[in-house]
Amino acid sequence: MSYSVRCSCHELHPVAGSQAGSLLNCPCGRMVSVPPLSALRQQVGEAAYAIPTAESIHLQHGRGELLPVGHCAVCGMAKQEIFDLYVECERTKVKEFVPRSWYGIQIFLILFHPFILFLDCSITRPSTNP
């Protein structure tokens, strides 16, 4: 969404949401303060904070704004053709955590591998028979 801020010289500056909270240089020489994103959103008639899709659908359903099953989403007329719609939202990828101690064990095994091979392996288990 594109927003705008006005300098005291009445110059209108287009700003992106990513510029919220920053300062702009106006050609008149003044510094223009860009308000927080919530204020920019309210200036253009949006909610101060974005509502997640699932919550938005739940609110529409509660207000009775969703069409009944079997009605066209474009014209609102009852239709025989019904299509199932599934919405999958983006998910964050979680990086697998590997403890640093595991790296230490790997380095130890790589460095001392030749010595481990020559250890005396003649240790026997006690017999289980009496």
Protein backbone atom coordinates (compact mmCIF):
# COMPACT_ATOMS: atom_id res chain seq x y z
CA MET A 1 0.00 0.00 0.00
CA SER A 2 1.22 3.48 -0.78
CA TYR A 3 0.88 6.22 1.82
CA SER A 4 1.73 9.91 1.81
CA VAL A 5 2.91 12.59 4.23
CA ARG A 6 2.74 16.34 3.84
CA CYS A 7 5.46 18.81 4.68
CA SER A 8 4.62 22.15 6.32
CA CYS A 9 5.37 23.71 2.90
CA HIS A 10 2.36 21.67 1.59
CA GLU A 11 4.57 19.36 -0.53
CA LEU A 12 3.07 15.84 -0.62
CA HIS A 13 5.57 12.98 -0.31
CA PRO A 14 4.63 9.37 -1.19
CA VAL A 15 6.01 6.88 1.33
CA ALA A 16 6.00 3.11 1.68
CA GLY A 17 5.05 1.29 4.87
CA SER A 18 8.72 0.38 5.36
CA GLN A 19 9.53 4.09 5.79
CA ALA A 20 7.24 4.46 8.82
CA GLY A 21 8.96 6.20 11.73
CA SER A 22 11.74 7.67 9.57
CA LEU A 23 12.61 11.18 8.40
CA LEU A 24 12.43 12.49 4.81
CA ASN A 25 14.21 15.42 3.21
CA CYS A 26 11.80 17.84 1.55
CA PRO A 27 13.03 19.93 -1.42
CA CYS A 28 12.25 23.02 0.71
CA GLY A 29 15.04 21.92 3.10
CA ARG A 30 12.87 20.81 6.01
CA MET A 31 12.89 17.35 7.54
CA VAL A 32 9.52 15.60 7.35
CA SER A 33 8.70 13.04 10.04
CA VAL A 34 6.93 9.91 8.77
CA PRO A 35 4.40 8.71 11.37
CA PRO A 36 4.25 5.09 12.64
CA LEU A 37 2.69 2.48 10.35
CA SER A 38 -0.50 2.31 12.43
CA ALA A 39 -1.05 6.06 11.87
CA LEU A 40 -0.31 5.77 8.14
CA ARG A 41 -2.82 2.91 7.84
CA GLN A 42 -5.51 4.93 9.64
CA GLN A 43 -4.95 7.93 7.34
CA VAL A 44 -6.05 5.85 4.34
CA GLY A 45 -9.01 4.27 6.16
CA GLU A 46 -7.42 0.93 7.08
CA ALA A 47 -7.37 -0.68 10.49
CA ALA A 48 -4.39 0.39 12.58
CA TYR A 49 -3.10 -3.19 12.62
CA ALA A 50 -3.46 -5.89 9.97
CA ILE A 51 -5.86 -8.69 10.92
CA PRO A 52 -4.82 -12.27 10.06
CA THR A 53 -6.90 -13.90 7.29
CA ALA A 54 -8.45 -16.59 9.50
CA GLU A 55 -9.54 -13.97 12.06
CA SER A 56 -10.95 -11.76 9.30
CA ILE A 57 -13.08 -14.65 7.97
CA HIS A 58 -14.25 -15.45 11.50
CA LEU A 59 -15.29 -11.81 12.05
CA GLN A 60 -17.15 -11.70 8.70
CA HIS A 61 -18.98 -14.89 9.60
CA GLY A 62 -19.97 -13.44 12.98
CA ARG A 63 -21.38 -10.31 11.31
CA GLY A 64 -23.29 -12.43 8.78
CA GLU A 65 -21.33 -11.03 5.85
CA LEU A 66 -20.33 -14.41 4.37
CA LEU A 67 -22.63 -15.91 1.74
CA PRO A 68 -24.52 -19.09 2.61
CA VAL A 69 -23.28 -22.39 1.17
CA GLY A 70 -24.25 -22.83 -2.48
CA HIS A 71 -24.24 -19.14 -3.42
CA CYS A 72 -21.92 -17.48 -5.95
CA ALA A 73 -19.24 -15.26 -4.39
CA VAL A 74 -19.49 -12.83 -7.35
CA CYS A 75 -23.22 -12.40 -8.00
CA GLY A 76 -24.69 -13.82 -4.76
CA MET A 77 -27.19 -16.05 -6.61
CA ALA A 78 -27.84 -19.66 -5.58
CA LYS A 79 -25.85 -22.05 -7.79
CA GLN A 80 -25.69 -25.80 -8.23
CA GLU A 81 -21.94 -25.95 -8.82
CA ILE A 82 -19.97 -26.01 -5.57
CA PHE A 83 -16.20 -25.95 -5.30
CA ASP A 84 -14.30 -26.65 -2.12
CA LEU A 85 -11.72 -24.01 -1.33
CA TYR A 86 -8.81 -24.58 1.02
CA VAL A 87 -6.56 -21.72 2.06
CA GLU A 88 -3.05 -22.44 3.29
CA CYS A 89 -1.18 -19.52 4.80
CA GLU A 90 2.57 -19.08 4.69
CA ARG A 91 4.55 -20.75 7.42
CA THR A 92 7.87 -19.74 8.87
CA LYS A 93 10.70 -22.17 8.44
CA VAL A 94 12.30 -23.12 11.72
CA LYS A 95 15.99 -23.91 11.49
CA GLU A 96 16.91 -27.17 13.18
CA PHE A 97 18.92 -26.60 16.33
CA VAL A 98 22.14 -28.59 16.69
CA PRO A 99 23.88 -28.13 20.04
CA ARG A 100 27.41 -26.76 19.84
CA SER A 101 28.64 -29.66 21.98
CA TRP A 102 27.82 -32.02 19.09
CA TYR A 103 30.28 -30.13 16.89
CA GLY A 104 32.91 -30.55 19.59
CA ILE A 105 32.34 -34.31 19.66
CA GLN A 106 32.64 -34.49 15.87
CA ILE A 107 35.92 -32.56 15.89
CA PHE A 108 37.26 -34.75 18.71
CA LEU A 109 36.41 -37.92 16.78
CA ILE A 110 38.03 -36.60 13.59
CA LEU A 111 41.23 -35.54 15.34
CA PHE A 112 41.68 -38.60 17.54
CA HIS A 113 40.25 -41.25 15.20
CA PRO A 114 43.67 -42.83 14.43
CA PHE A 115 44.45 -43.17 18.14
CA ILE A 116 41.07 -44.69 18.93
CA LEU A 117 41.71 -47.46 16.40
CA PHE A 118 44.88 -48.57 18.20
CA LEU A 119 43.36 -48.78 21.68
CA ASP A 120 43.59 -52.14 23.39
CA CYS A 121 40.28 -53.80 22.57
CA SER A 122 41.04 -56.98 24.47
CA ILE A 123 38.67 -56.11 27.27
CA THR A 124 36.14 -58.90 27.52
CA ARG A 125 32.75 -58.97 29.11
CA PRO A 126 32.22 -61.20 32.07
CA SER A 127 30.51 -64.39 31.09
CA THR A 128 26.92 -64.82 32.09
CA ASN A 129 27.34 -68.58 32.60
CA PRO A 130 28.33 -69.73 36.15
